[in-house]
Amino acid sequence: FVKRTASILHADLDSFYASVEQRDDPALRGRPVAAGGGVVLAASYEAK
């Protein structure tokens, strides 16, 4: 008997563009943020 193992990782950055904006501008942290202009390209979890 060979025990099956869970050895595949799926790594996914959270709200990537918006998280970069919040990282680089502390004033945006915890606030609803959208990257784009005209059309939303990415939204923070606060905005979602």
All heavy atoms as atom14 arrays in JSON, in Angstrom:
{
  "sequence": "FVKRTASILHADLDSFYASVEQRDDPALRGRPVAAGGGVVLAASYEAK",
  "atom14_mask": [
    [1, 1, 1, 1, 1, 1, 1, 1, 1, 1, 1, 0, 0, 0],
    [1, 1, 1, 1, 1, 1, 1, 0, 0, 0, 0, 0, 0, 0],
    [1, 1, 1, 1, 1, 1, 1, 1, 1, 0, 0, 0, 0, 0],
    [1, 1, 1, 1, 1, 1, 1, 1, 1, 1, 1, 0, 0, 0],
    [1, 1, 1, 1, 1, 1, 1, 0, 0, 0, 0, 0, 0, 0],
    [1, 1, 1, 1, 1, 0, 0, 0, 0, 0, 0, 0, 0, 0],
    [1, 1, 1, 1, 1, 1, 0, 0, 0, 0, 0, 0, 0, 0],
    [1, 1, 1, 1, 1, 1, 1, 1, 0, 0, 0, 0, 0, 0],
    [1, 1, 1, 1, 1, 1, 1, 1, 0, 0, 0, 0, 0, 0],
    [1, 1, 1, 1, 1, 1, 1, 1, 1, 1, 0, 0, 0, 0],
    [1, 1, 1, 1, 1, 0, 0, 0, 0, 0, 0, 0, 0, 0],
    [1, 1, 1, 1, 1, 1, 1, 1, 0, 0, 0, 0, 0, 0],
    [1, 1, 1, 1, 1, 1, 1, 1, 0, 0, 0, 0, 0, 0],
    [1, 1, 1, 1, 1, 1, 1, 1, 0, 0, 0, 0, 0, 0],
    [1, 1, 1, 1, 1, 1, 0, 0, 0, 0, 0, 0, 0, 0],
    [1, 1, 1, 1, 1, 1, 1, 1, 1, 1, 1, 0, 0, 0],
    [1, 1, 1, 1, 1, 1, 1, 1, 1, 1, 1, 1, 0, 0],
    [1, 1, 1, 1, 1, 0, 0, 0, 0, 0, 0, 0, 0, 0],
    [1, 1, 1, 1, 1, 1, 0, 0, 0, 0, 0, 0, 0, 0],
    [1, 1, 1, 1, 1, 1, 1, 0, 0, 0, 0, 0, 0, 0],
    [1, 1, 1, 1, 1, 1, 1, 1, 1, 0, 0, 0, 0, 0],
    [1, 1, 1, 1, 1, 1, 1, 1, 1, 0, 0, 0, 0, 0],
    [1, 1, 1, 1, 1, 1, 1, 1, 1, 1, 1, 0, 0, 0],
    [1, 1, 1, 1, 1, 1, 1, 1, 0, 0, 0, 0, 0, 0],
    [1, 1, 1, 1, 1, 1, 1, 1, 0, 0, 0, 0, 0, 0],
    [1, 1, 1, 1, 1, 1, 1, 0, 0, 0, 0, 0, 0, 0],
    [1, 1, 1, 1, 1, 0, 0, 0, 0, 0, 0, 0, 0, 0],
    [1, 1, 1, 1, 1, 1, 1, 1, 0, 0, 0, 0, 0, 0],
    [1, 1, 1, 1, 1, 1, 1, 1, 1, 1, 1, 0, 0, 0],
    [1, 1, 1, 1, 0, 0, 0, 0, 0, 0, 0, 0, 0, 0],
    [1, 1, 1, 1, 1, 1, 1, 1, 1, 1, 1, 0, 0, 0],
    [1, 1, 1, 1, 1, 1, 1, 0, 0, 0, 0, 0, 0, 0],
    [1, 1, 1, 1, 1, 1, 1, 0, 0, 0, 0, 0, 0, 0],
    [1, 1, 1, 1, 1, 0, 0, 0, 0, 0, 0, 0, 0, 0],
    [1, 1, 1, 1, 1, 0, 0, 0, 0, 0, 0, 0, 0, 0],
    [1, 1, 1, 1, 0, 0, 0, 0, 0, 0, 0, 0, 0, 0],
    [1, 1, 1, 1, 0, 0, 0, 0, 0, 0, 0, 0, 0, 0],
    [1, 1, 1, 1, 0, 0, 0, 0, 0, 0, 0, 0, 0, 0],
    [1, 1, 1, 1, 1, 1, 1, 0, 0, 0, 0, 0, 0, 0],
    [1, 1, 1, 1, 1, 1, 1, 0, 0, 0, 0, 0, 0, 0],
    [1, 1, 1, 1, 1, 1, 1, 1, 0, 0, 0, 0, 0, 0],
    [1, 1, 1, 1, 1, 0, 0, 0, 0, 0, 0, 0, 0, 0],
    [1, 1, 1, 1, 1, 0, 0, 0, 0, 0, 0, 0, 0, 0],
    [1, 1, 1, 1, 1, 1, 0, 0, 0, 0, 0, 0, 0, 0],
    [1, 1, 1, 1, 1, 1, 1, 1, 1, 1, 1, 1, 0, 0],
    [1, 1, 1, 1, 1, 1, 1, 1, 1, 0, 0, 0, 0, 0],
    [1, 1, 1, 1, 1, 0, 0, 0, 0, 0, 0, 0, 0, 0],
    [1, 1, 1, 1, 1, 1, 1, 1, 1, 0, 0, 0, 0, 0]
  ],
  "atom14_positions": [
    [[0.84, -1.18, 0.0], [0.0, 0.0, 0.0], [0.89, 1.24, 0.0], [1.77, 1.38, 0.87], [-0.9, 0.02, 1.24], [-1.96, -1.05, 1.22], [-1.74, -2.28, 1.82], [-3.16, -0.83, 0.57], [-2.7, -3.27, 1.79], [-4.13, -1.82, 0.54], [-3.9, -3.04, 1.15], [0.0, 0.0, 0.0], [0.0, 0.0, 0.0], [0.0, 0.0, 0.0]],
    [[0.69, 2.08, -0.98], [1.44, 3.34, -1.05], [0.5, 4.49, -0.74], [-0.51, 4.68, -1.43], [2.06, 3.53, -2.46], [2.81, 4.85, -2.53], [2.98, 2.37, -2.8], [0.0, 0.0, 0.0], [0.0, 0.0, 0.0], [0.0, 0.0, 0.0], [0.0, 0.0, 0.0], [0.0, 0.0, 0.0], [0.0, 0.0, 0.0], [0.0, 0.0, 0.0]],
    [[0.79, 5.19, 0.31], [-0.1, 6.29, 0.71], [-0.01, 7.42, -0.3], [1.07, 7.86, -0.68], [0.28, 6.81, 2.1], [-0.64, 7.94, 2.56], [-0.35, 8.34, 3.98], [-1.18, 9.54, 4.41], [-2.62, 9.32, 4.27], [0.0, 0.0, 0.0], [0.0, 0.0, 0.0], [0.0, 0.0, 0.0], [0.0, 0.0, 0.0], [0.0, 0.0, 0.0]],
    [[-1.17, 7.85, -0.73], [-1.22, 8.98, -1.65], [-0.83, 10.24, -0.89], [-1.19, 10.42, 0.28], [-2.62, 9.12, -2.22], [-3.1, 7.91, -2.98], [-4.47, 8.13, -3.58], [-5.46, 8.45, -2.57], [-6.71, 8.84, -2.84], [-7.08, 8.99, -4.09], [-7.56, 9.1, -1.88], [0.0, 0.0, 0.0], [0.0, 0.0, 0.0], [0.0, 0.0, 0.0]],
    [[-0.1, 11.11, -1.55], [0.35, 12.33, -0.88], [-0.1, 13.56, -1.65], [-0.18, 13.55, -2.88], [1.88, 12.37, -0.75], [2.46, 12.26, -2.06], [2.38, 11.22, 0.11], [0.0, 0.0, 0.0], [0.0, 0.0, 0.0], [0.0, 0.0, 0.0], [0.0, 0.0, 0.0], [0.0, 0.0, 0.0], [0.0, 0.0, 0.0], [0.0, 0.0, 0.0]],
    [[-0.4, 14.61, -0.91], [-0.76, 15.89, -1.49], [0.52, 16.71, -1.62], [1.02, 17.24, -0.63], [-1.78, 16.62, -0.61], [0.0, 0.0, 0.0], [0.0, 0.0, 0.0], [0.0, 0.0, 0.0], [0.0, 0.0, 0.0], [0.0, 0.0, 0.0], [0.0, 0.0, 0.0], [0.0, 0.0, 0.0], [0.0, 0.0, 0.0], [0.0, 0.0, 0.0]],
    [[1.08, 16.77, -2.82], [2.39, 17.41, -2.98], [2.42, 18.46, -4.09], [3.48, 18.92, -4.48], [3.46, 16.35, -3.26], [3.12, 15.6, -4.41], [0.0, 0.0, 0.0], [0.0, 0.0, 0.0], [0.0, 0.0, 0.0], [0.0, 0.0, 0.0], [0.0, 0.0, 0.0], [0.0, 0.0, 0.0], [0.0, 0.0, 0.0], [0.0, 0.0, 0.0]],
    [[1.25, 18.82, -4.61], [1.17, 19.88, -5.61], [0.62, 21.13, -4.95], [-0.41, 21.1, -4.27], [0.3, 19.47, -6.8], [0.95, 18.31, -7.55], [0.08, 20.65, -7.76], [0.14, 17.79, -8.72], [0.0, 0.0, 0.0], [0.0, 0.0, 0.0], [0.0, 0.0, 0.0], [0.0, 0.0, 0.0], [0.0, 0.0, 0.0], [0.0, 0.0, 0.0]],
    [[1.32, 22.24, -5.13], [0.9, 23.52, -4.59], [0.36, 24.4, -5.71], [0.94, 24.44, -6.8], [2.09, 24.24, -3.93], [2.51, 23.88, -2.51], [2.74, 22.39, -2.35], [3.75, 24.69, -2.11], [0.0, 0.0, 0.0], [0.0, 0.0, 0.0], [0.0, 0.0, 0.0], [0.0, 0.0, 0.0], [0.0, 0.0, 0.0], [0.0, 0.0, 0.0]],
    [[-0.73, 25.09, -5.43], [-1.18, 26.16, -6.31], [-1.08, 27.45, -5.51], [-1.79, 27.65, -4.53], [-2.62, 25.97, -6.79], [-3.08, 27.08, -7.69], [-3.96, 28.06, -7.27], [-2.76, 27.39, -8.97], [-4.18, 28.91, -8.27], [-3.45, 28.52, -9.3], [0.0, 0.0, 0.0], [0.0, 0.0, 0.0], [0.0, 0.0, 0.0], [0.0, 0.0, 0.0]],
    [[-0.14, 28.3, -5.9], [0.12, 29.56, -5.2], [-0.47, 30.7, -6.0], [-0.17, 30.86, -7.18], [1.62, 29.76, -5.02], [0.0, 0.0, 0.0], [0.0, 0.0, 0.0], [0.0, 0.0, 0.0], [0.0, 0.0, 0.0], [0.0, 0.0, 0.0], [0.0, 0.0, 0.0], [0.0, 0.0, 0.0], [0.0, 0.0, 0.0], [0.0, 0.0, 0.0]],
    [[-1.33, 31.49, -5.35], [-2.09, 32.52, -6.06], [-2.08, 33.81, -5.24], [-2.62, 33.86, -4.12], [-3.53, 32.03, -6.26], [-4.31, 32.89, -7.24], [-3.74, 33.85, -7.77], [-5.51, 32.61, -7.44], [0.0, 0.0, 0.0], [0.0, 0.0, 0.0], [0.0, 0.0, 0.0], [0.0, 0.0, 0.0], [0.0, 0.0, 0.0], [0.0, 0.0, 0.0]],
    [[-1.45, 34.84, -5.77], [-1.41, 36.14, -5.09], [-2.83, 36.71, -4.98], [-3.62, 36.61, -5.92], [-0.5, 37.1, -5.84], [0.99, 36.76, -5.73], [1.77, 37.32, -6.9], [1.55, 37.27, -4.41], [0.0, 0.0, 0.0], [0.0, 0.0, 0.0], [0.0, 0.0, 0.0], [0.0, 0.0, 0.0], [0.0, 0.0, 0.0], [0.0, 0.0, 0.0]],
    [[-3.13, 37.31, -3.84], [-4.48, 37.79, -3.57], [-4.69, 39.2, -4.12], [-3.94, 40.12, -3.78], [-4.74, 37.8, -2.06], [-4.63, 36.42, -1.45], [-5.12, 35.47, -2.06], [-4.03, 36.3, -0.36], [0.0, 0.0, 0.0], [0.0, 0.0, 0.0], [0.0, 0.0, 0.0], [0.0, 0.0, 0.0], [0.0, 0.0, 0.0], [0.0, 0.0, 0.0]],
    [[-5.73, 39.37, -4.99], [-6.05, 40.69, -5.56], [-4.76, 41.4, -5.94], [-4.47, 42.5, -5.47], [-6.85, 41.52, -4.55], [-8.09, 40.94, -4.3], [0.0, 0.0, 0.0], [0.0, 0.0, 0.0], [0.0, 0.0, 0.0], [0.0, 0.0, 0.0], [0.0, 0.0, 0.0], [0.0, 0.0, 0.0], [0.0, 0.0, 0.0], [0.0, 0.0, 0.0]],
    [[-4.01, 40.78, -6.83], [-2.61, 41.13, -7.05], [-2.37, 42.61, -7.28], [-1.64, 43.27, -6.54], [-2.07, 40.29, -8.2], [-0.64, 40.58, -8.56], [0.33, 40.71, -7.58], [-0.26, 40.7, -9.89], [1.66, 40.96, -7.92], [1.05, 40.95, -10.23], [2.01, 41.08, -9.25], [0.0, 0.0, 0.0], [0.0, 0.0, 0.0], [0.0, 0.0, 0.0]],
    [[-2.96, 43.18, -8.32], [-2.69, 44.58, -8.64], [-3.07, 45.49, -7.48], [-2.32, 46.4, -7.1], [-3.46, 45.02, -9.88], [-3.02, 44.38, -11.17], [-3.7, 44.64, -12.36], [-1.94, 43.51, -11.23], [-3.31, 44.04, -13.55], [-1.54, 42.92, -12.41], [-2.24, 43.19, -13.57], [-1.86, 42.6, -14.74], [0.0, 0.0, 0.0], [0.0, 0.0, 0.0]],
    [[-4.26, 45.26, -6.91], [-4.72, 46.1, -5.8], [-3.81, 45.92, -4.59], [-3.54, 46.89, -3.85], [-6.17, 45.76, -5.46], [0.0, 0.0, 0.0], [0.0, 0.0, 0.0], [0.0, 0.0, 0.0], [0.0, 0.0, 0.0], [0.0, 0.0, 0.0], [0.0, 0.0, 0.0], [0.0, 0.0, 0.0], [0.0, 0.0, 0.0], [0.0, 0.0, 0.0]],
    [[-3.32, 44.71, -4.35], [-2.44, 44.47, -3.22], [-1.11, 45.2, -3.39], [-0.54, 45.7, -2.41], [-2.19, 42.97, -3.04], [-3.37, 42.32, -2.63], [0.0, 0.0, 0.0], [0.0, 0.0, 0.0], [0.0, 0.0, 0.0], [0.0, 0.0, 0.0], [0.0, 0.0, 0.0], [0.0, 0.0, 0.0], [0.0, 0.0, 0.0], [0.0, 0.0, 0.0]],
    [[-0.6, 45.25, -4.63], [0.62, 46.01, -4.88], [0.4, 47.49, -4.58], [1.24, 48.15, -3.97], [1.09, 45.82, -6.34], [2.26, 46.76, -6.65], [1.52, 44.37, -6.58], [0.0, 0.0, 0.0], [0.0, 0.0, 0.0], [0.0, 0.0, 0.0], [0.0, 0.0, 0.0], [0.0, 0.0, 0.0], [0.0, 0.0, 0.0], [0.0, 0.0, 0.0]],
    [[-0.76, 48.01, -4.99], [-1.07, 49.42, -4.72], [-1.16, 49.68, -3.22], [-0.65, 50.69, -2.72], [-2.38, 49.82, -5.4], [-2.35, 49.72, -6.92], [-1.32, 50.63, -7.57], [-0.87, 51.59, -6.92], [-0.96, 50.38, -8.74], [0.0, 0.0, 0.0], [0.0, 0.0, 0.0], [0.0, 0.0, 0.0], [0.0, 0.0, 0.0], [0.0, 0.0, 0.0]],
    [[-1.79, 48.77, -2.48], [-1.91, 48.95, -1.03], [-0.57, 48.77, -0.34], [-0.29, 49.43, 0.67], [-2.93, 47.95, -0.47], [-4.36, 48.27, -0.89], [-5.35, 47.24, -0.42], [-5.08, 46.04, -0.46], [-6.52, 47.69, 0.05], [0.0, 0.0, 0.0], [0.0, 0.0, 0.0], [0.0, 0.0, 0.0], [0.0, 0.0, 0.0], [0.0, 0.0, 0.0]],
    [[0.28, 47.9, -0.87], [1.62, 47.75, -0.32], [2.43, 49.02, -0.48], [3.13, 49.46, 0.45], [2.34, 46.6, -1.03], [3.77, 46.37, -0.57], [4.56, 45.53, -1.56], [4.79, 46.24, -2.83], [5.47, 45.72, -3.85], [5.95, 44.48, -3.76], [5.65, 46.42, -4.96], [0.0, 0.0, 0.0], [0.0, 0.0, 0.0], [0.0, 0.0, 0.0]],
    [[2.35, 49.64, -1.65], [3.18, 50.78, -1.96], [2.63, 52.1, -1.41], [3.37, 53.08, -1.32], [3.35, 50.9, -3.48], [4.16, 49.74, -4.06], [4.76, 48.99, -3.26], [4.19, 49.59, -5.29], [0.0, 0.0, 0.0], [0.0, 0.0, 0.0], [0.0, 0.0, 0.0], [0.0, 0.0, 0.0], [0.0, 0.0, 0.0], [0.0, 0.0, 0.0]],
    [[1.37, 52.14, -1.05], [0.76, 53.35, -0.47], [0.01, 52.95, 0.79], [-1.15, 52.5, 0.72], [-0.19, 54.01, -1.48], [-0.75, 55.32, -0.95], [-0.5, 55.66, 0.24], [-1.46, 56.0, -1.71], [0.0, 0.0, 0.0], [0.0, 0.0, 0.0], [0.0, 0.0, 0.0], [0.0, 0.0, 0.0], [0.0, 0.0, 0.0], [0.0, 0.0, 0.0]],
    [[0.61, 53.11, 1.96], [-0.04, 52.7, 3.21], [-1.4, 53.34, 3.43], [-2.25, 52.77, 4.12], [0.96, 53.15, 4.28], [2.28, 53.18, 3.58], [1.98, 53.62, 2.18], [0.0, 0.0, 0.0], [0.0, 0.0, 0.0], [0.0, 0.0, 0.0], [0.0, 0.0, 0.0], [0.0, 0.0, 0.0], [0.0, 0.0, 0.0], [0.0, 0.0, 0.0]],
    [[-1.65, 54.51, 2.83], [-2.94, 55.18, 3.0], [-4.08, 54.39, 2.38], [-5.25, 54.62, 2.69], [-2.88, 56.59, 2.4], [0.0, 0.0, 0.0], [0.0, 0.0, 0.0], [0.0, 0.0, 0.0], [0.0, 0.0, 0.0], [0.0, 0.0, 0.0], [0.0, 0.0, 0.0], [0.0, 0.0, 0.0], [0.0, 0.0, 0.0], [0.0, 0.0, 0.0]],
    [[-3.75, 53.45, 1.48], [-4.79, 52.66, 0.8], [-5.14, 51.38, 1.55], [-6.13, 50.73, 1.21], [-4.32, 52.3, -0.61], [-4.07, 53.46, -1.57], [-3.55, 52.93, -2.91], [-5.34, 54.28, -1.78], [0.0, 0.0, 0.0], [0.0, 0.0, 0.0], [0.0, 0.0, 0.0], [0.0, 0.0, 0.0], [0.0, 0.0, 0.0], [0.0, 0.0, 0.0]],
    [[-4.36, 51.03, 2.54], [-4.58, 49.77, 3.23], [-5.88, 49.79, 4.02], [-6.18, 50.76, 4.71], [-3.4, 49.45, 4.14], [-2.11, 49.24, 3.36], [-0.88, 49.13, 4.25], [0.33, 49.16, 3.43], [1.56, 49.22, 3.92], [1.75, 49.25, 5.23], [2.6, 49.25, 3.1], [0.0, 0.0, 0.0], [0.0, 0.0, 0.0], [0.0, 0.0, 0.0]],
    [[-6.65, 48.72, 3.86], [-7.94, 48.63, 4.54], [-9.06, 49.37, 3.84], [-10.2, 49.32, 4.3], [0.0, 0.0, 0.0], [0.0, 0.0, 0.0], [0.0, 0.0, 0.0], [0.0, 0.0, 0.0], [0.0, 0.0, 0.0], [0.0, 0.0, 0.0], [0.0, 0.0, 0.0], [0.0, 0.0, 0.0], [0.0, 0.0, 0.0], [0.0, 0.0, 0.0]],
    [[-8.75, 50.02, 2.73], [-9.77, 50.78, 1.99], [-10.13, 50.05, 0.7], [-9.32, 49.28, 0.16], [-9.24, 52.17, 1.66], [-8.87, 53.0, 2.89], [-8.25, 54.32, 2.49], [-9.22, 55.19, 1.82], [-8.9, 56.38, 1.3], [-7.65, 56.8, 1.35], [-9.82, 57.11, 0.71], [0.0, 0.0, 0.0], [0.0, 0.0, 0.0], [0.0, 0.0, 0.0]],
    [[-11.34, 50.28, 0.18], [-11.72, 49.68, -1.11], [-10.96, 50.35, -2.24], [-11.08, 51.57, -2.45], [-13.23, 49.94, -1.2], [-13.46, 51.13, -0.32], [-12.45, 51.05, 0.78], [0.0, 0.0, 0.0], [0.0, 0.0, 0.0], [0.0, 0.0, 0.0], [0.0, 0.0, 0.0], [0.0, 0.0, 0.0], [0.0, 0.0, 0.0], [0.0, 0.0, 0.0]],
    [[-10.17, 49.57, -2.96], [-9.28, 50.12, -3.99], [-9.51, 49.39, -5.3], [-9.72, 48.17, -5.33], [-7.8, 49.96, -3.58], [-6.86, 50.4, -4.69], [-7.51, 50.72, -2.29], [0.0, 0.0, 0.0], [0.0, 0.0, 0.0], [0.0, 0.0, 0.0], [0.0, 0.0, 0.0], [0.0, 0.0, 0.0], [0.0, 0.0, 0.0], [0.0, 0.0, 0.0]],
    [[-9.48, 50.13, -6.4], [-9.54, 49.54, -7.73], [-8.41, 50.12, -8.56], [-8.16, 51.33, -8.53], [-10.87, 49.83, -8.41], [0.0, 0.0, 0.0], [0.0, 0.0, 0.0], [0.0, 0.0, 0.0], [0.0, 0.0, 0.0], [0.0, 0.0, 0.0], [0.0, 0.0, 0.0], [0.0, 0.0, 0.0], [0.0, 0.0, 0.0], [0.0, 0.0, 0.0]],
    [[-7.71, 49.26, -9.28], [-6.68, 49.71, -10.21], [-7.29, 49.77, -11.6], [-8.01, 48.87, -12.01], [-5.49, 48.75, -10.2], [0.0, 0.0, 0.0], [0.0, 0.0, 0.0], [0.0, 0.0, 0.0], [0.0, 0.0, 0.0], [0.0, 0.0, 0.0], [0.0, 0.0, 0.0], [0.0, 0.0, 0.0], [0.0, 0.0, 0.0], [0.0, 0.0, 0.0]],
    [[-7.02, 50.85, -12.31], [-7.56, 50.97, -13.65], [-7.82, 52.42, -14.0], [-6.95, 53.27, -13.91], [0.0, 0.0, 0.0], [0.0, 0.0, 0.0], [0.0, 0.0, 0.0], [0.0, 0.0, 0.0], [0.0, 0.0, 0.0], [0.0, 0.0, 0.0], [0.0, 0.0, 0.0], [0.0, 0.0, 0.0], [0.0, 0.0, 0.0], [0.0, 0.0, 0.0]],
    [[-9.05, 52.7, -14.36], [-9.43, 54.01, -14.84], [-10.34, 53.83, -16.03], [-9.9, 53.37, -17.08], [0.0, 0.0, 0.0], [0.0, 0.0, 0.0], [0.0, 0.0, 0.0], [0.0, 0.0, 0.0], [0.0, 0.0, 0.0], [0.0, 0.0, 0.0], [0.0, 0.0, 0.0], [0.0, 0.0, 0.0], [0.0, 0.0, 0.0], [0.0, 0.0, 0.0]],
    [[-11.62, 54.16, -15.86], [-12.6, 53.89, -16.91], [-13.17, 52.49, -16.75], [-14.38, 52.29, -16.67], [0.0, 0.0, 0.0], [0.0, 0.0, 0.0], [0.0, 0.0, 0.0], [0.0, 0.0, 0.0], [0.0, 0.0, 0.0], [0.0, 0.0, 0.0], [0.0, 0.0, 0.0], [0.0, 0.0, 0.0], [0.0, 0.0, 0.0], [0.0, 0.0, 0.0]],
    [[-12.28, 51.5, -16.66], [-12.66, 50.11, -16.43], [-11.83, 49.56, -15.28], [-10.63, 49.83, -15.19], [-12.44, 49.25, -17.69], [-12.73, 47.78, -17.41], [-13.32, 49.75, -18.83], [0.0, 0.0, 0.0], [0.0, 0.0, 0.0], [0.0, 0.0, 0.0], [0.0, 0.0, 0.0], [0.0, 0.0, 0.0], [0.0, 0.0, 0.0], [0.0, 0.0, 0.0]],
    [[-12.45, 48.81, -14.39], [-11.75, 48.2, -13.26], [-10.89, 47.05, -13.76], [-11.4, 46.09, -14.34], [-12.75, 47.69, -12.2], [-12.0, 46.93, -11.1], [-13.54, 48.85, -11.6], [0.0, 0.0, 0.0], [0.0, 0.0, 0.0], [0.0, 0.0, 0.0], [0.0, 0.0, 0.0], [0.0, 0.0, 0.0], [0.0, 0.0, 0.0], [0.0, 0.0, 0.0]],
    [[-9.58, 47.15, -13.56], [-8.67, 46.08, -13.93], [-8.45, 45.11, -12.78], [-8.17, 43.93, -13.0], [-7.34, 46.65, -14.38], [-7.38, 47.58, -15.6], [-5.97, 48.04, -15.95], [-8.03, 46.89, -16.78], [0.0, 0.0, 0.0], [0.0, 0.0, 0.0], [0.0, 0.0, 0.0], [0.0, 0.0, 0.0], [0.0, 0.0, 0.0], [0.0, 0.0, 0.0]],
    [[-8.55, 45.6, -11.55], [-8.41, 44.75, -10.37], [-9.03, 45.47, -9.19], [-8.98, 46.7, -9.12], [-6.95, 44.43, -10.1], [0.0, 0.0, 0.0], [0.0, 0.0, 0.0], [0.0, 0.0, 0.0], [0.0, 0.0, 0.0], [0.0, 0.0, 0.0], [0.0, 0.0, 0.0], [0.0, 0.0, 0.0], [0.0, 0.0, 0.0], [0.0, 0.0, 0.0]],
    [[-9.59, 44.71, -8.26], [-10.23, 45.28, -7.08], [-9.7, 44.61, -5.83], [-9.44, 43.41, -5.81], [-11.75, 45.11, -7.17], [0.0, 0.0, 0.0], [0.0, 0.0, 0.0], [0.0, 0.0, 0.0], [0.0, 0.0, 0.0], [0.0, 0.0, 0.0], [0.0, 0.0, 0.0], [0.0, 0.0, 0.0], [0.0, 0.0, 0.0], [0.0, 0.0, 0.0]],
    [[-9.53, 45.4, -4.77], [-9.11, 44.84, -3.48], [-10.28, 44.07, -2.87], [-11.43, 44.21, -3.28], [-8.68, 45.96, -2.53], [-9.81, 46.75, -2.16], [0.0, 0.0, 0.0], [0.0, 0.0, 0.0], [0.0, 0.0, 0.0], [0.0, 0.0, 0.0], [0.0, 0.0, 0.0], [0.0, 0.0, 0.0], [0.0, 0.0, 0.0], [0.0, 0.0, 0.0]],
    [[-9.97, 43.26, -1.86], [-11.04, 42.5, -1.22], [-12.04, 43.43, -0.54], [-13.23, 43.12, -0.46], [-10.46, 41.5, -0.22], [-10.02, 40.23, -0.9], [-8.71, 40.06, -1.32], [-10.93, 39.22, -1.15], [-8.32, 38.9, -1.98], [-10.55, 38.06, -1.81], [-9.24, 37.9, -2.21], [-8.87, 36.75, -2.87], [0.0, 0.0, 0.0], [0.0, 0.0, 0.0]],
    [[-11.56, 44.58, -0.06], [-12.49, 45.54, 0.54], [-13.49, 46.04, -0.49], [-14.66, 46.28, -0.17], [-11.71, 46.73, 1.12], [-10.8, 46.38, 2.29], [-9.41, 45.9, 1.85], [-9.2, 45.7, 0.64], [-8.54, 45.75, 2.74], [0.0, 0.0, 0.0], [0.0, 0.0, 0.0], [0.0, 0.0, 0.0], [0.0, 0.0, 0.0], [0.0, 0.0, 0.0]],
    [[-13.05, 46.19, -1.74], [-13.96, 46.61, -2.81], [-14.85, 45.47, -3.28], [-16.03, 45.66, -3.59], [-13.16, 47.17, -3.98], [0.0, 0.0, 0.0], [0.0, 0.0, 0.0], [0.0, 0.0, 0.0], [0.0, 0.0, 0.0], [0.0, 0.0, 0.0], [0.0, 0.0, 0.0], [0.0, 0.0, 0.0], [0.0, 0.0, 0.0], [0.0, 0.0, 0.0]],
    [[-14.29, 44.26, -3.31], [-15.07, 43.1, -3.76], [-16.26, 42.85, -2.86], [-17.29, 42.33, -3.3], [-14.17, 41.87, -3.82], [-13.15, 41.89, -4.95], [-12.27, 40.65, -4.93], [-11.27, 40.68, -6.07], [-10.38, 39.5, -6.06], [0.0, 0.0, 0.0], [0.0, 0.0, 0.0], [0.0, 0.0, 0.0], [0.0, 0.0, 0.0], [0.0, 0.0, 0.0]]
  ]
}
